[in-house]
Amino acid sequence: MFHSRPLISVCLPVCDGAAFLAETLDSILSQSVQDFEVVVPDDCSTDHSLEIVAKYARLDRRIKCWRNPRRYGLFANYNQCIQECSGLYIKPMAQDDVLLPDMLERCVNVLSSNRNVSLVSTGRTVVDESGLPILSDVTAETPETLFGRGDVYPGEEVLRACLIPLRNIIGEPCTVMFRWEGARLNFNEKLSHLGDLELWLRLLKEGDYSYIPEELVKFRRHQKSATSRNIAQLRIASDIVQLAKLLSPTLADLGC
């Protein structure tokens, strides 16, 4: 029996993601905790992404999907998800990544047992198109390597580590979970690549951070991924300039 309000809202923005979408949906539906909804706006895909999601939705009432009236872009499409979410916790997801079976449960356990934690993330394995690990693409810096092993880290300490120098030690959207807090948690739609990091930094100003070191996510890297496109089009450089403007008050508070 599911509650009128689901425990978790999985946000899965989709745009031309047919190649890996079924595997992604299967990994969500196979979670050890089953009290969730999956919110899937299709951003005017030119492939059969929407047909794939609609097929799953016919079989599972927890999946809500629709086609946007126009193409919004990644972070605006994430915001379409958040506006329709009703879960206690928000789980961002990407159309080509894969969750291990206990990922949602592990994150919920952290957030439900510690009200001071505003953001939790897990370790992840970087994989290629075939799902095989990319051993040369292992991230050297993690919260553990920077701060040592611990259950909870002070939000301001992690915020400083992400800004000086600029780096994302939290992880990609597929690795994180946070509490539903209304519209103020929208992604910044002016950013093309660093919109996730900008939101993580805002969350760190609200509370502490917890890191689960086990690799509970497969983060897929391939030529058609959003990350690859943004690097090729130099969008990261533009985002750094925008981020510096947005975070100037925070940098000043940190004495920078």
Protein backbone atom coordinates (compact mmCIF):
# COMPACT_ATOMS: atom_id res chain seq x y z
CA MET A 1 0.00 0.00 0.00
CA PHE A 2 1.49 3.35 -1.04
CA HIS A 3 0.89 6.55 0.91
CA SER A 4 -1.03 9.42 -0.67
CA ARG A 5 2.31 11.24 -0.66
CA PRO A 6 5.21 9.08 -1.88
CA LEU A 7 8.37 8.85 0.16
CA ILE A 8 10.62 9.70 -2.81
CA SER A 9 10.19 11.59 -6.07
CA VAL A 10 12.63 10.47 -8.75
CA CYS A 11 13.19 13.30 -11.25
CA LEU A 12 14.09 11.92 -14.66
CA PRO A 13 14.26 14.61 -17.37
CA VAL A 14 14.49 13.03 -20.81
CA CYS A 15 15.68 14.26 -24.20
CA ASP A 16 16.72 11.83 -26.95
CA GLY A 17 17.69 9.22 -24.37
CA ALA A 18 16.26 6.09 -25.99
CA ALA A 19 19.60 4.24 -26.07
CA PHE A 20 19.82 3.68 -22.30
CA LEU A 21 16.41 4.74 -21.00
CA ALA A 22 14.96 1.27 -20.45
CA GLU A 23 18.00 0.23 -18.41
CA THR A 24 17.71 3.40 -16.34
CA LEU A 25 14.00 2.85 -15.65
CA ASP A 26 14.59 -0.80 -14.78
CA SER A 27 17.20 0.21 -12.20
CA ILE A 28 14.75 2.64 -10.59
CA LEU A 29 11.88 0.18 -10.49
CA SER A 30 14.14 -2.52 -9.01
CA GLN A 31 15.00 -0.53 -5.88
CA SER A 32 14.77 -2.17 -2.44
CA VAL A 33 12.43 0.64 -1.33
CA GLN A 34 9.35 0.88 -3.53
CA ASP A 35 7.51 3.88 -2.10
CA PHE A 36 8.31 6.40 -4.85
CA GLU A 37 7.05 8.17 -7.94
CA VAL A 38 9.00 8.71 -11.16
CA VAL A 39 8.42 12.08 -12.85
CA VAL A 40 9.49 12.09 -16.52
CA PRO A 41 9.08 15.16 -18.73
CA ASP A 42 10.20 14.51 -22.31
CA ASP A 43 11.91 17.59 -23.74
CA CYS A 44 10.70 17.19 -27.34
CA SER A 45 12.79 14.11 -28.12
CA THR A 46 13.36 13.27 -31.77
CA ASP A 47 13.81 9.57 -31.00
CA HIS A 48 11.34 7.17 -29.35
CA SER A 49 12.15 8.14 -25.74
CA LEU A 50 8.59 9.14 -24.92
CA GLU A 51 7.23 5.88 -26.31
CA ILE A 52 9.59 3.93 -24.05
CA VAL A 53 8.52 5.85 -20.94
CA ALA A 54 4.83 5.68 -21.88
CA LYS A 55 5.08 1.91 -22.18
CA TYR A 56 6.51 1.68 -18.66
CA ALA A 57 3.87 4.14 -17.38
CA ARG A 58 1.06 1.93 -18.66
CA LEU A 59 2.46 -0.89 -16.53
CA ASP A 60 3.31 1.12 -13.40
CA ARG A 61 1.06 3.89 -12.09
CA ARG A 62 3.96 5.48 -10.17
CA ILE A 63 5.42 6.80 -13.44
CA LYS A 64 4.15 10.20 -14.64
CA CYS A 65 5.28 11.31 -18.09
CA TRP A 66 4.44 13.99 -20.62
CA ARG A 67 5.91 15.84 -23.59
CA ASN A 68 6.91 19.48 -23.12
CA PRO A 69 5.24 21.97 -25.50
CA ARG A 70 8.70 23.20 -26.51
CA ARG A 71 12.31 22.28 -25.77
CA TYR A 72 13.37 23.79 -22.43
CA GLY A 73 16.91 22.49 -21.94
CA LEU A 74 18.34 20.27 -19.21
CA PHE A 75 18.00 22.33 -16.03
CA ALA A 76 14.68 23.89 -17.02
CA ASN A 77 13.46 20.35 -17.67
CA TYR A 78 14.67 19.30 -14.20
CA ASN A 79 12.56 22.16 -12.86
CA GLN A 80 9.54 20.76 -14.72
CA CYS A 81 10.11 17.60 -12.70
CA ILE A 82 10.44 19.35 -9.36
CA GLN A 83 7.24 21.33 -9.91
CA GLU A 84 5.32 18.06 -10.28
CA CYS A 85 7.02 16.22 -7.40
CA SER A 86 5.11 15.34 -4.26
CA GLY A 87 7.60 13.09 -2.43
CA LEU A 88 9.28 13.88 0.88
CA TYR A 89 12.68 13.44 -0.76
CA ILE A 90 13.92 14.46 -4.22
CA LYS A 91 16.13 12.07 -6.18
CA PRO A 92 17.52 13.62 -9.38
CA MET A 93 18.33 11.09 -12.05
CA ALA A 94 19.81 11.09 -15.56
CA GLN A 95 18.51 9.17 -18.55
CA ASP A 96 21.68 7.16 -19.14
CA ASP A 97 22.76 6.30 -15.58
CA VAL A 98 21.96 3.27 -13.43
CA LEU A 99 21.12 2.91 -9.72
CA LEU A 100 22.21 -0.11 -7.73
CA PRO A 101 19.27 -1.78 -5.93
CA ASP A 102 19.73 -0.22 -2.48
CA MET A 103 20.72 3.31 -3.53
CA LEU A 104 17.40 4.98 -2.64
CA GLU A 105 17.10 3.14 0.65
CA ARG A 106 20.61 4.05 1.77
CA CYS A 107 20.08 7.75 1.04
CA VAL A 108 16.65 7.91 2.69
CA ASN A 109 18.05 6.27 5.82
CA VAL A 110 20.61 9.06 6.14
CA LEU A 111 18.15 11.92 5.60
CA SER A 112 15.43 10.45 7.82
CA SER A 113 17.81 9.82 10.73
CA ASN A 114 19.55 13.22 10.70
CA ARG A 115 17.52 16.40 10.22
CA ASN A 116 20.68 18.49 10.08
CA VAL A 117 21.73 16.85 6.81
CA SER A 118 20.42 18.77 3.80
CA LEU A 119 22.26 16.80 1.10
CA VAL A 120 23.50 13.24 0.74
CA SER A 121 25.46 11.64 -2.09
CA THR A 122 27.09 8.31 -2.80
CA GLY A 123 30.14 7.00 -4.59
CA ARG A 124 29.77 6.05 -8.24
CA THR A 125 31.43 3.95 -10.90
CA VAL A 126 32.12 5.69 -14.23
CA VAL A 127 31.14 3.37 -17.08
CA ASP A 128 31.21 3.49 -20.88
CA GLU A 129 28.42 2.88 -23.39
CA SER A 130 28.59 -0.86 -22.73
CA GLY A 131 28.40 -0.43 -18.98
CA LEU A 132 32.06 -1.35 -18.44
CA PRO A 133 34.10 0.63 -15.87
CA ILE A 134 36.37 3.35 -17.22
CA LEU A 135 39.35 2.75 -14.96
CA SER A 136 41.23 5.82 -16.20
CA ASP A 137 38.31 8.07 -15.22
CA VAL A 138 38.29 7.47 -11.48
CA THR A 139 37.81 10.70 -9.53
CA ALA A 140 40.82 11.23 -7.27
CA GLU A 141 39.12 13.62 -4.85
CA THR A 142 36.19 12.54 -2.73
CA PRO A 143 34.88 13.85 0.59
CA GLU A 144 36.79 11.01 2.25
CA THR A 145 40.12 11.91 0.67
CA LEU A 146 39.63 15.58 1.57
CA PHE A 147 38.13 15.32 5.06
CA GLY A 148 38.71 11.74 6.17
CA ARG A 149 36.11 9.08 6.86
CA GLY A 150 33.00 10.41 8.54
CA ASP A 151 29.22 10.12 8.53
CA VAL A 152 28.43 13.85 8.39
CA TYR A 153 30.49 16.84 7.28
CA PRO A 154 29.71 20.51 8.12
CA GLY A 155 28.00 22.15 5.15
CA GLU A 156 30.19 25.27 5.21
CA GLU A 157 33.37 23.17 5.21
CA VAL A 158 32.23 21.25 2.14
CA LEU A 159 31.04 24.45 0.48
CA ARG A 160 34.49 25.99 0.89
CA ALA A 161 36.16 22.86 -0.52
CA CYS A 162 33.93 23.03 -3.61
CA LEU A 163 34.73 26.69 -4.25
CA ILE A 164 38.45 26.91 -3.45
CA PRO A 165 39.37 25.65 -5.98
CA LEU A 166 36.15 25.26 -8.00
CA ARG A 167 35.30 21.56 -8.17
CA ASN A 168 32.36 19.26 -7.68
CA ILE A 169 33.25 16.82 -4.91
CA ILE A 170 29.54 16.07 -4.29
CA GLY A 171 28.83 14.27 -7.56
CA GLU A 172 26.47 14.26 -10.51
CA PRO A 173 22.66 14.41 -10.12
CA CYS A 174 22.40 10.62 -10.20
CA THR A 175 24.44 10.38 -6.98
CA VAL A 176 22.47 12.77 -4.74
CA MET A 177 19.25 13.05 -2.76
CA PHE A 178 17.78 15.95 -0.78
CA ARG A 179 14.59 16.97 0.96
CA TRP A 180 11.66 18.49 -0.88
CA GLU A 181 11.56 22.16 0.08
CA GLY A 182 9.39 23.79 -2.55
CA ALA A 183 10.15 26.02 -5.53
CA ARG A 184 13.22 27.67 -4.02
CA LEU A 185 15.17 24.50 -4.80
CA ASN A 186 14.83 24.95 -8.54
CA PHE A 187 17.93 24.55 -10.70
CA ASN A 188 19.36 27.78 -12.11
CA GLU A 189 18.29 27.76 -15.76
CA LYS A 190 20.94 30.29 -16.79
CA LEU A 191 23.61 27.61 -16.35
CA SER A 192 24.27 24.92 -18.95
CA HIS A 193 26.65 22.55 -17.15
CA LEU A 194 27.25 23.64 -13.55
CA GLY A 195 23.59 24.01 -12.60
CA ASP A 196 23.79 20.91 -10.45
CA LEU A 197 26.83 22.15 -8.49
CA GLU A 198 25.17 25.54 -7.97
CA LEU A 199 22.14 23.84 -6.40
CA TRP A 200 24.32 21.57 -4.24
CA LEU A 201 26.10 24.69 -2.92
CA ARG A 202 22.78 26.31 -2.01
CA LEU A 203 21.76 23.16 -0.18
CA LEU A 204 25.05 23.15 1.74
CA LYS A 205 24.20 26.61 3.04
CA GLU A 206 21.04 25.07 4.56
CA GLY A 207 22.66 22.22 6.48
CA ASP A 208 25.27 19.50 6.63
CA TYR A 209 26.40 16.94 4.08
CA SER A 210 26.64 13.17 4.27
CA TYR A 211 28.67 10.95 1.94
CA ILE A 212 28.08 7.24 1.42
CA PRO A 213 31.39 5.94 -0.02
CA GLU A 214 29.99 2.76 -1.57
CA GLU A 215 29.59 2.98 -5.35
CA LEU A 216 25.80 2.82 -5.56
CA VAL A 217 25.47 4.42 -9.00
CA LYS A 218 26.82 3.75 -12.48
CA PHE A 219 27.51 7.12 -14.12
CA ARG A 220 27.68 6.63 -17.87
CA ARG A 221 30.08 8.67 -19.97
CA HIS A 222 29.73 8.57 -23.76
CA GLN A 223 30.05 10.85 -26.79
CA LYS A 224 26.37 11.85 -26.83
CA SER A 225 26.06 12.56 -23.11
CA ALA A 226 25.25 16.05 -21.86
CA THR A 227 28.68 16.26 -20.22
CA SER A 228 30.48 15.48 -23.47
CA ARG A 229 28.41 18.02 -25.40
CA ASN A 230 28.99 20.75 -22.86
CA ILE A 231 32.75 20.20 -22.88
CA ALA A 232 32.85 20.23 -26.68
CA GLN A 233 30.85 23.48 -26.85
CA LEU A 234 32.90 25.21 -24.11
CA ARG A 235 29.77 25.74 -22.00
CA ILE A 236 31.72 25.01 -18.81
CA ALA A 237 33.83 28.15 -19.30
CA SER A 238 30.73 30.30 -19.66
CA ASP A 239 29.19 28.69 -16.57
CA ILE A 240 32.28 29.45 -14.48
CA VAL A 241 31.87 33.15 -15.23
CA GLN A 242 28.14 33.01 -14.38
CA LEU A 243 28.83 31.02 -11.22
CA ALA A 244 31.42 33.53 -10.02
CA LYS A 245 28.80 36.29 -10.26
CA LEU A 246 26.11 34.23 -8.52
CA LEU A 247 28.42 33.18 -5.69
CA SER A 248 30.24 36.45 -5.08
CA PRO A 249 28.37 37.08 -1.76
CA THR A 250 29.16 33.54 -0.60
CA LEU A 251 32.82 33.95 -1.54
CA ALA A 252 32.92 37.20 0.40
CA ASP A 253 31.42 35.48 3.46
CA LEU A 254 34.19 32.86 3.19
CA GLY A 255 36.80 35.60 3.13
CA CYS A 256 37.70 35.19 -0.55
